[in-house]
PDB file of N, CA and C in Angstrom:
ATOM      1  N   MET A   1      -4.058 -12.134 -22.377  1.00  0.00           N
ATOM      2  CA  MET A   1      -3.638 -12.995 -21.331  1.00  0.00           C
ATOM      3  C   MET A   1      -3.438 -12.088 -20.206  1.00  0.00           C
ATOM      4  N   ALA A   2      -3.899 -12.383 -18.892  1.00  0.00           N
ATOM      5  CA  ALA A   2      -3.604 -11.582 -17.730  1.00  0.00           C
ATOM      6  C   ALA A   2      -2.301 -11.915 -17.259  1.00  0.00           C
ATOM      7  N   LEU A   3      -1.712 -10.955 -16.456  1.00  0.00           N
ATOM      8  CA  LEU A   3      -0.390 -11.265 -15.965  1.00  0.00           C
ATOM      9  C   LEU A   3      -0.472 -11.523 -14.446  1.00  0.00           C
ATOM     10  N   LYS A   4       0.747 -12.230 -13.991  1.00  0.00           N
ATOM     11  CA  LYS A   4       0.622 -12.702 -12.585  1.00  0.00           C
ATOM     12  C   LYS A   4       1.922 -12.319 -11.827  1.00  0.00           C
ATOM     13  N   ILE A   5       2.096 -12.272 -10.678  1.00  0.00           N
ATOM     14  CA  ILE A   5       3.208 -11.875 -10.004  1.00  0.00           C
ATOM     15  C   ILE A   5       3.789 -13.250  -9.173  1.00  0.00           C
ATOM     16  N   THR A   6       5.086 -13.521  -9.251  1.00  0.00           N
ATOM     17  CA  THR A   6       5.408 -14.784  -9.084  1.00  0.00           C
ATOM     18  C   THR A   6       5.970 -14.342  -7.442  1.00  0.00           C
ATOM     19  N   ASP A   7       6.363 -15.502  -6.807  1.00  0.00           N
ATOM     20  CA  ASP A   7       6.955 -15.592  -5.502  1.00  0.00           C
ATOM     21  C   ASP A   7       8.222 -14.673  -5.294  1.00  0.00           C
ATOM     22  N   GLU A   8       8.838 -14.306  -6.624  1.00  0.00           N
ATOM     23  CA  GLU A   8      10.007 -13.622  -6.547  1.00  0.00           C
ATOM     24  C   GLU A   8       9.698 -12.073  -6.043  1.00  0.00           C
ATOM     25  N   CYS A   9       8.481 -11.593  -6.016  1.00  0.00           N
ATOM     26  CA  CYS A   9       8.272 -10.454  -5.590  1.00  0.00           C
ATOM     27  C   CYS A   9       8.777 -10.063  -4.308  1.00  0.00           C
ATOM     28  N   ILE A  10       9.159  -8.829  -4.162  1.00  0.00           N
ATOM     29  CA  ILE A  10      10.050  -8.245  -2.950  1.00  0.00           C
ATOM     30  C   ILE A  10       8.923  -7.343  -2.195  1.00  0.00           C
ATOM     31  N   ASN A  11       7.730  -7.114  -2.584  1.00  0.00           N
ATOM     32  CA  ASN A  11       6.882  -6.460  -1.851  1.00  0.00           C
ATOM     33  C   ASN A  11       7.250  -4.833  -1.862  1.00  0.00           C
ATOM     34  N   CYS A  12       7.804  -4.482  -2.863  1.00  0.00           N
ATOM     35  CA  CYS A  12       8.421  -3.121  -2.968  1.00  0.00           C
ATOM     36  C   CYS A  12       7.438  -1.923  -3.005  1.00  0.00           C
ATOM     37  N   ASP A  13       5.996  -2.175  -3.361  1.00  0.00           N
ATOM     38  CA  ASP A  13       4.877  -1.612  -3.503  1.00  0.00           C
ATOM     39  C   ASP A  13       4.683  -0.426  -4.730  1.00  0.00           C
ATOM     40  N   VAL A  14       5.648  -0.747  -5.743  1.00  0.00           N
ATOM     41  CA  VAL A  14       5.680   0.064  -6.836  1.00  0.00           C
ATOM     42  C   VAL A  14       4.595  -0.195  -7.839  1.00  0.00           C
ATOM     43  N   CYS A  15       4.251  -1.719  -8.175  1.00  0.00           N
ATOM     44  CA  CYS A  15       3.368  -1.867  -8.940  1.00  0.00           C
ATOM     45  C   CYS A  15       1.840  -1.486  -8.798  1.00  0.00           C
ATOM     46  N   GLU A  16       1.239  -1.619  -7.487  1.00  0.00           N
ATOM     47  CA  GLU A  16       0.061  -1.461  -7.159  1.00  0.00           C
ATOM     48  C   GLU A  16      -0.530  -0.135  -7.826  1.00  0.00           C
ATOM     49  N   PRO A  17      -0.018   1.034  -7.256  1.00  0.00           N
ATOM     50  CA  PRO A  17      -0.541   2.340  -7.598  1.00  0.00           C
ATOM     51  C   PRO A  17      -0.494   2.489  -9.386  1.00  0.00           C
ATOM     52  N   GLU A  18       0.362   1.674 -10.037  1.00  0.00           N
ATOM     53  CA  GLU A  18       0.547   1.775 -11.305  1.00  0.00           C
ATOM     54  C   GLU A  18      -0.608   1.353 -12.274  1.00  0.00           C
ATOM     55  N   CYS A  19      -1.421   0.376 -11.518  1.00  0.00           N
ATOM     56  CA  CYS A  19      -2.368  -0.190 -12.297  1.00  0.00           C
ATOM     57  C   CYS A  19      -3.415   0.301 -12.464  1.00  0.00           C
ATOM     58  N   PRO A  20      -4.037   0.743 -13.586  1.00  0.00           N
ATOM     59  CA  PRO A  20      -5.371   1.619 -13.895  1.00  0.00           C
ATOM     60  C   PRO A  20      -6.421   0.870 -13.723  1.00  0.00           C
ATOM     61  N   ASN A  21      -6.590  -0.442 -13.552  1.00  0.00           N
ATOM     62  CA  ASN A  21      -7.506  -1.244 -13.371  1.00  0.00           C
ATOM     63  C   ASN A  21      -7.860  -1.489 -11.953  1.00  0.00           C
ATOM     64  N   ASP A  22      -6.893  -1.297 -11.071  1.00  0.00           N
ATOM     65  CA  ASP A  22      -6.934  -1.717  -9.740  1.00  0.00           C
ATOM     66  C   ASP A  22      -6.903  -3.483  -9.637  1.00  0.00           C
ATOM     67  N   ALA A  23      -6.263  -3.793 -10.388  1.00  0.00           N
ATOM     68  CA  ALA A  23      -5.922  -5.219 -10.144  1.00  0.00           C
ATOM     69  C   ALA A  23      -5.055  -5.887  -9.508  1.00  0.00           C
ATOM     70  N   ILE A  24      -4.141  -4.968  -8.909  1.00  0.00           N
ATOM     71  CA  ILE A  24      -3.186  -5.408  -8.007  1.00  0.00           C
ATOM     72  C   ILE A  24      -3.321  -5.242  -6.795  1.00  0.00           C
ATOM     73  N   SER A  25      -3.199  -6.271  -5.668  1.00  0.00           N
ATOM     74  CA  SER A  25      -3.403  -6.065  -4.299  1.00  0.00           C
ATOM     75  C   SER A  25      -2.416  -6.752  -3.355  1.00  0.00           C
ATOM     76  N   GLN A  26      -2.287  -6.595  -2.250  1.00  0.00           N
ATOM     77  CA  GLN A  26      -1.328  -7.063  -1.358  1.00  0.00           C
ATOM     78  C   GLN A  26      -1.942  -8.511  -1.042  1.00  0.00           C
ATOM     79  N   GLY A  27      -1.113  -9.798  -1.346  1.00  0.00           N
ATOM     80  CA  GLY A  27      -1.650 -10.839  -0.841  1.00  0.00           C
ATOM     81  C   GLY A  27      -1.171 -11.077   0.425  1.00  0.00           C
ATOM     82  N   ILE A  28      -1.120 -12.653   0.709  1.00  0.00           N
ATOM     83  CA  ILE A  28      -0.483 -13.182   2.105  1.00  0.00           C
ATOM     84  C   ILE A  28       0.754 -12.948   2.109  1.00  0.00           C
ATOM     85  N   ASP A  29       1.496 -13.347   0.921  1.00  0.00           N
ATOM     86  CA  ASP A  29       2.874 -13.235   1.127  1.00  0.00           C
ATOM     87  C   ASP A  29       3.619 -12.239   0.010  1.00  0.00           C
ATOM     88  N   TYR A  30       3.100 -11.940  -0.926  1.00  0.00           N
ATOM     89  CA  TYR A  30       3.293 -10.954  -1.898  1.00  0.00           C
ATOM     90  C   TYR A  30       2.295 -10.426  -2.762  1.00  0.00           C
ATOM     91  N   TYR A  31       2.323  -9.255  -3.467  1.00  0.00           N
ATOM     92  CA  TYR A  31       1.246  -8.936  -4.392  1.00  0.00           C
ATOM     93  C   TYR A  31       0.787  -9.959  -5.392  1.00  0.00           C
ATOM     94  N   GLU A  32      -0.484  -9.652  -5.633  1.00  0.00           N
ATOM     95  CA  GLU A  32      -1.430 -10.447  -6.591  1.00  0.00           C
ATOM     96  C   GLU A  32      -1.982  -9.749  -7.621  1.00  0.00           C
ATOM     97  N   ILE A  33      -2.339 -10.332  -8.682  1.00  0.00           N
ATOM     98  CA  ILE A  33      -3.068  -9.743  -9.834  1.00  0.00           C
ATOM     99  C   ILE A  33      -4.381 -10.495  -9.970  1.00  0.00           C
ATOM    100  N   ASP A  34      -5.454  -9.747 -10.038  1.00  0.00           N
ATOM    101  CA  ASP A  34      -6.644 -10.127 -10.192  1.00  0.00           C
ATOM    102  C   ASP A  34      -6.864 -10.582 -11.800  1.00  0.00           C
ATOM    103  N   PRO A  35      -6.940 -11.545 -12.300  1.00  0.00           N
ATOM    104  CA  PRO A  35      -7.090 -12.091 -13.652  1.00  0.00           C
ATOM    105  C   PRO A  35      -8.555 -11.329 -14.297  1.00  0.00           C
ATOM    106  N   MET A  36      -9.323 -11.173 -13.461  1.00  0.00           N
ATOM    107  CA  MET A  36     -10.489 -10.659 -14.239  1.00  0.00           C
ATOM    108  C   MET A  36     -10.636  -9.136 -14.243  1.00  0.00           C
ATOM    109  N   LYS A  37      -9.569  -8.369 -13.754  1.00  0.00           N
ATOM    110  CA  LYS A  37      -9.565  -7.169 -13.808  1.00  0.00           C
ATOM    111  C   LYS A  37      -8.161  -6.715 -14.677  1.00  0.00           C
ATOM    112  N   CYS A  38      -7.261  -7.461 -14.854  1.00  0.00           N
ATOM    113  CA  CYS A  38      -5.939  -7.414 -15.540  1.00  0.00           C
ATOM    114  C   CYS A  38      -6.315  -7.476 -16.981  1.00  0.00           C
ATOM    115  N   THR A  39      -6.056  -6.305 -17.659  1.00  0.00           N
ATOM    116  CA  THR A  39      -5.965  -5.945 -19.144  1.00  0.00           C
ATOM    117  C   THR A  39      -4.764  -6.125 -19.755  1.00  0.00           C
ATOM    118  N   GLU A  40      -3.603  -6.277 -19.225  1.00  0.00           N
ATOM    119  CA  GLU A  40      -2.236  -5.821 -19.457  1.00  0.00           C
ATOM    120  C   GLU A  40      -2.158  -4.482 -20.108  1.00  0.00           C
ATOM    121  N   CYS A  41      -2.777  -3.542 -19.504  1.00  0.00           N
ATOM    122  CA  CYS A  41      -3.006  -2.084 -19.630  1.00  0.00           C
ATOM    123  C   CYS A  41      -3.588  -1.749 -21.030  1.00  0.00           C
ATOM    124  N   VAL A  42      -4.144  -2.885 -21.822  1.00  0.00           N
ATOM    125  CA  VAL A  42      -5.072  -2.432 -22.946  1.00  0.00           C
ATOM    126  C   VAL A  42      -5.845  -1.586 -22.685  1.00  0.00           C
ATOM    127  N   GLY A  43      -5.919  -0.553 -23.377  1.00  0.00           N
ATOM    128  CA  GLY A  43      -7.075   0.661 -23.147  1.00  0.00           C
ATOM    129  C   GLY A  43      -6.625   1.837 -22.537  1.00  0.00           C
ATOM    130  N   HIS A  44      -5.335   1.528 -21.845  1.00  0.00           N
ATOM    131  CA  HIS A  44      -4.594   2.518 -21.047  1.00  0.00           C
ATOM    132  C   HIS A  44      -3.280   2.856 -21.614  1.00  0.00           C
ATOM    133  N   PHE A  45      -2.509   1.930 -21.738  1.00  0.00           N
ATOM    134  CA  PHE A  45      -1.119   2.010 -21.974  1.00  0.00           C
ATOM    135  C   PHE A  45      -0.688   1.238 -23.209  1.00  0.00           C
ATOM    136  N   ASP A  46       0.338   1.320 -23.749  1.00  0.00           N
ATOM    137  CA  ASP A  46       1.155   0.523 -24.787  1.00  0.00           C
ATOM    138  C   ASP A  46       1.550  -0.716 -24.204  1.00  0.00           C
ATOM    139  N   MET A  47       2.045  -0.244 -22.812  1.00  0.00           N
ATOM    140  CA  MET A  47       3.066  -1.620 -22.240  1.00  0.00           C
ATOM    141  C   MET A  47       2.145  -1.702 -20.754  1.00  0.00           C
ATOM    142  N   PRO A  48       2.032  -2.952 -20.231  1.00  0.00           N
ATOM    143  CA  PRO A  48       1.734  -3.095 -18.772  1.00  0.00           C
ATOM    144  C   PRO A  48       2.735  -2.359 -17.818  1.00  0.00           C
ATOM    145  N   GLN A  49       2.059  -1.397 -17.060  1.00  0.00           N
ATOM    146  CA  GLN A  49       2.712  -0.403 -16.183  1.00  0.00           C
ATOM    147  C   GLN A  49       3.375  -1.331 -15.023  1.00  0.00           C
ATOM    148  N   CYS A  50       2.850  -2.248 -14.667  1.00  0.00           N
ATOM    149  CA  CYS A  50       3.553  -2.815 -13.648  1.00  0.00           C
ATOM    150  C   CYS A  50       4.784  -3.575 -13.948  1.00  0.00           C
ATOM    151  N   VAL A  51       4.713  -4.229 -15.252  1.00  0.00           N
ATOM    152  CA  VAL A  51       6.107  -4.837 -15.885  1.00  0.00           C
ATOM    153  C   VAL A  51       7.100  -3.633 -15.730  1.00  0.00           C
ATOM    154  N   GLU A  52       6.547  -2.463 -16.358  1.00  0.00           N
ATOM    155  CA  GLU A  52       7.573  -1.515 -16.465  1.00  0.00           C
ATOM    156  C   GLU A  52       8.203  -1.020 -15.338  1.00  0.00           C
ATOM    157  N   VAL A  53       7.677  -0.914 -14.136  1.00  0.00           N
ATOM    158  CA  VAL A  53       8.130  -0.404 -13.139  1.00  0.00           C
ATOM    159  C   VAL A  53       8.848  -1.566 -12.052  1.00  0.00           C
ATOM    160  N   CYS A  54       8.469  -2.837 -12.155  1.00  0.00           N
ATOM    161  CA  CYS A  54       8.968  -3.691 -11.339  1.00  0.00           C
ATOM    162  C   CYS A  54      10.592  -4.041 -11.385  1.00  0.00           C
ATOM    163  N   PRO A  55      10.934  -3.780 -10.212  1.00  0.00           N
ATOM    164  CA  PRO A  55      12.596  -3.893 -10.176  1.00  0.00           C
ATOM    165  C   PRO A  55      13.153  -5.244 -10.281  1.00  0.00           C
ATOM    166  N   VAL A  56      12.338  -6.361  -9.977  1.00  0.00           N
ATOM    167  CA  VAL A  56      12.838  -7.530 -10.082  1.00  0.00           C
ATOM    168  C   VAL A  56      12.262  -8.524 -10.972  1.00  0.00           C
ATOM    169  N   GLU A  57      11.459  -7.875 -12.088  1.00  0.00           N
ATOM    170  CA  GLU A  57      11.023  -8.592 -13.280  1.00  0.00           C
ATOM    171  C   GLU A  57      10.196  -9.915 -12.793  1.00  0.00           C
ATOM    172  N   CYS A  58       9.139  -9.574 -12.023  1.00  0.00           N
ATOM    173  CA  CYS A  58       8.612 -10.690 -11.354  1.00  0.00           C
ATOM    174  C   CYS A  58       7.003 -11.108 -11.868  1.00  0.00           C
ATOM    175  N   ILE A  59       6.885 -10.271 -13.014  1.00  0.00           N
ATOM    176  CA  ILE A  59       5.399 -10.171 -13.511  1.00  0.00           C
ATOM    177  C   ILE A  59       5.224 -10.814 -14.956  1.00  0.00           C
ATOM    178  N   PRO A  60       5.402 -12.031 -15.285  1.00  0.00           N
ATOM    179  CA  PRO A  60       5.068 -12.655 -16.215  1.00  0.00           C
ATOM    180  C   PRO A  60       3.663 -12.606 -16.988  1.00  0.00           C
ATOM    181  N   LYS A  61       3.386 -13.148 -17.989  1.00  0.00           N
ATOM    182  CA  LYS A  61       1.882 -13.534 -18.452  1.00  0.00           C
ATOM    183  C   LYS A  61       1.581 -14.684 -17.802  1.00  0.00           C
ATOM    184  N   ASP A  62       0.167 -14.952 -17.481  1.00  0.00           N
ATOM    185  CA  ASP A  62      -0.129 -15.910 -16.672  1.00  0.00           C
ATOM    186  C   ASP A  62      -0.907 -16.780 -17.718  1.00  0.00           C
ATOM    187  N   PRO A  63      -0.123 -18.099 -17.842  1.00  0.00           N
ATOM    188  CA  PRO A  63      -0.574 -19.123 -18.640  1.00  0.00           C
ATOM    189  C   PRO A  63      -1.802 -19.861 -18.313  1.00  0.00           C
ATOM    190  N   ASP A  64      -2.465 -19.469 -17.238  1.00  0.00           N
ATOM    191  CA  ASP A  64      -3.743 -20.221 -16.787  1.00  0.00           C
ATOM    192  C   ASP A  64      -4.826 -19.224 -17.282  1.00  0.00           C
ATOM    193  N   HIS A  65      -4.598 -18.049 -17.866  1.00  0.00           N
ATOM    194  CA  HIS A  65      -5.418 -16.981 -18.235  1.00  0.00           C
ATOM    195  C   HIS A  65      -5.209 -16.662 -19.544  1.00  0.00           C
ATOM    196  N   LYS A  66      -5.264 -17.422 -20.529  1.00  0.00           N
ATOM    197  CA  LYS A  66      -4.801 -16.890 -21.959  1.00  0.00           C
ATOM    198  C   LYS A  66      -5.997 -16.075 -22.366  1.00  0.00           C
ATOM    199  N   GLU A  67      -5.481 -14.968 -23.178  1.00  0.00           N
ATOM    200  CA  GLU A  67      -6.518 -14.176 -23.749  1.00  0.00           C
ATOM    201  C   GLU A  67      -5.847 -13.519 -24.885  1.00  0.00           C
ATOM    202  N   ASN A  68      -6.497 -13.285 -26.223  1.00  0.00           N
ATOM    203  CA  ASN A  68      -5.847 -12.415 -27.071  1.00  0.00           C
ATOM    204  C   ASN A  68      -6.142 -10.838 -26.951  1.00  0.00           C
ATOM    205  N   GLU A  69      -5.599 -10.080 -27.677  1.00  0.00           N
ATOM    206  CA  GLU A  69      -6.077  -8.646 -27.702  1.00  0.00           C
ATOM    207  C   GLU A  69      -7.290  -8.294 -27.583  1.00  0.00           C
ATOM    208  N   ASP A  70      -8.154  -9.009 -28.510  1.00  0.00           N
ATOM    209  CA  ASP A  70      -9.592  -8.911 -28.791  1.00  0.00           C
ATOM    210  C   ASP A  70     -10.257  -8.913 -27.374  1.00  0.00           C
ATOM    211  N   GLN A  71      -9.571 -10.162 -26.696  1.00  0.00           N
ATOM    212  CA  GLN A  71     -10.676 -10.344 -25.576  1.00  0.00           C
ATOM    213  C   GLN A  71     -10.086  -9.460 -24.515  1.00  0.00           C
ATOM    214  N   LEU A  72      -8.807  -8.872 -24.539  1.00  0.00           N
ATOM    215  CA  LEU A  72      -8.471  -8.020 -23.615  1.00  0.00           C
ATOM    216  C   LEU A  72      -9.195  -6.567 -23.696  1.00  0.00           C
ATOM    217  N   TRP A  73      -9.372  -6.301 -24.895  1.00  0.00           N
ATOM    218  CA  TRP A  73     -10.110  -5.067 -25.292  1.00  0.00           C
ATOM    219  C   TRP A  73     -11.678  -5.183 -24.654  1.00  0.00           C
ATOM    220  N   GLU A  74     -12.173  -6.377 -25.075  1.00  0.00           N
ATOM    221  CA  GLU A  74     -13.770  -6.638 -24.340  1.00  0.00           C
ATOM    222  C   GLU A  74     -13.485  -6.546 -22.863  1.00  0.00           C
ATOM    223  N   LYS A  75     -12.759  -7.045 -22.175  1.00  0.00           N
ATOM    224  CA  LYS A  75     -12.551  -6.941 -20.731  1.00  0.00           C
ATOM    225  C   LYS A  75     -12.507  -5.535 -20.258  1.00  0.00           C
ATOM    226  N   TYR A  76     -11.576  -4.524 -21.156  1.00  0.00           N
ATOM    227  CA  TYR A  76     -11.556  -3.376 -20.794  1.00  0.00           C
ATOM    228  C   TYR A  76     -12.660  -2.557 -20.692  1.00  0.00           C
ATOM    229  N   ARG A  77     -13.530  -2.776 -21.879  1.00  0.00           N
ATOM    230  CA  ARG A  77     -14.820  -2.193 -22.245  1.00  0.00           C
ATOM    231  C   ARG A  77     -15.935  -2.578 -20.988  1.00  0.00           C
ATOM    232  N   ARG A  78     -15.854  -3.926 -20.473  1.00  0.00           N
ATOM    233  CA  ARG A  78     -16.673  -4.140 -19.578  1.00  0.00           C
ATOM    234  C   ARG A  78     -16.251  -3.508 -18.097  1.00  0.00           C
ATOM    235  N   LEU A  79     -14.935  -3.522 -17.791  1.00  0.00           N
ATOM    236  CA  LEU A  79     -14.432  -2.553 -16.798  1.00  0.00           C
ATOM    237  C   LEU A  79     -15.021  -1.273 -16.692  1.00  0.00           C
ATOM    238  N   ILE A  80     -14.562  -0.568 -17.847  1.00  0.00           N
ATOM    239  CA  ILE A  80     -15.230   0.915 -17.945  1.00  0.00           C
ATOM    240  C   ILE A  80     -16.551   1.015 -17.686  1.00  0.00           C
ATOM    241  N   GLU A  81     -17.526   0.101 -18.310  1.00  0.00           N
ATOM    242  CA  GLU A  81     -18.900   0.234 -18.029  1.00  0.00           C
ATOM    243  C   GLU A  81     -19.334  -0.027 -16.530  1.00  0.00           C
ATOM    244  N   GLN A  82     -18.562  -1.019 -16.036  1.00  0.00           N
ATOM    245  CA  GLN A  82     -18.937  -1.331 -14.646  1.00  0.00           C
ATOM    246  C   GLN A  82     -18.469  -0.165 -13.760  1.00  0.00           C
ATOM    247  N   ALA A  83     -17.519   0.723 -14.095  1.00  0.00           N
ATOM    248  CA  ALA A  83     -17.000   1.565 -13.251  1.00  0.00           C
ATOM    249  C   ALA A  83     -18.140   2.728 -13.248  1.00  0.00           C
ATOM    250  N   LYS A  84     -18.808   2.956 -14.334  1.00  0.00           N
ATOM    251  CA  LYS A  84     -19.780   3.981 -14.707  1.00  0.00           C
ATOM    252  C   LYS A  84     -21.110   3.780 -13.801  1.00  0.00           C
ATOM    253  N   VAL A  85     -21.167   2.769 -13.263  1.00  0.00           N
ATOM    254  CA  VAL A  85     -22.549   2.321 -12.523  1.00  0.00           C
ATOM    255  C   VAL A  85     -22.288   2.568 -11.090  1.00  0.00           C
TER     256      VAL A  85
END
């Protein structure tokens, strides 16, 4: 399941550089996570790094993008292959 950033985000800028997939970017009002790039850090870390550093705990799982661990691994592999091109 991809993660999402809620409107409780205070735009502190700590999550964006922590994302190994470059899935986090500044949105209109607060940071956003691209669900096509978010693997919850599967393939990189044991825990989602954005969640680890968020001071206001505004990064829950996105119920609109449900994925199991196998699907997250497959997304990770696809992103790695795309990065090689």
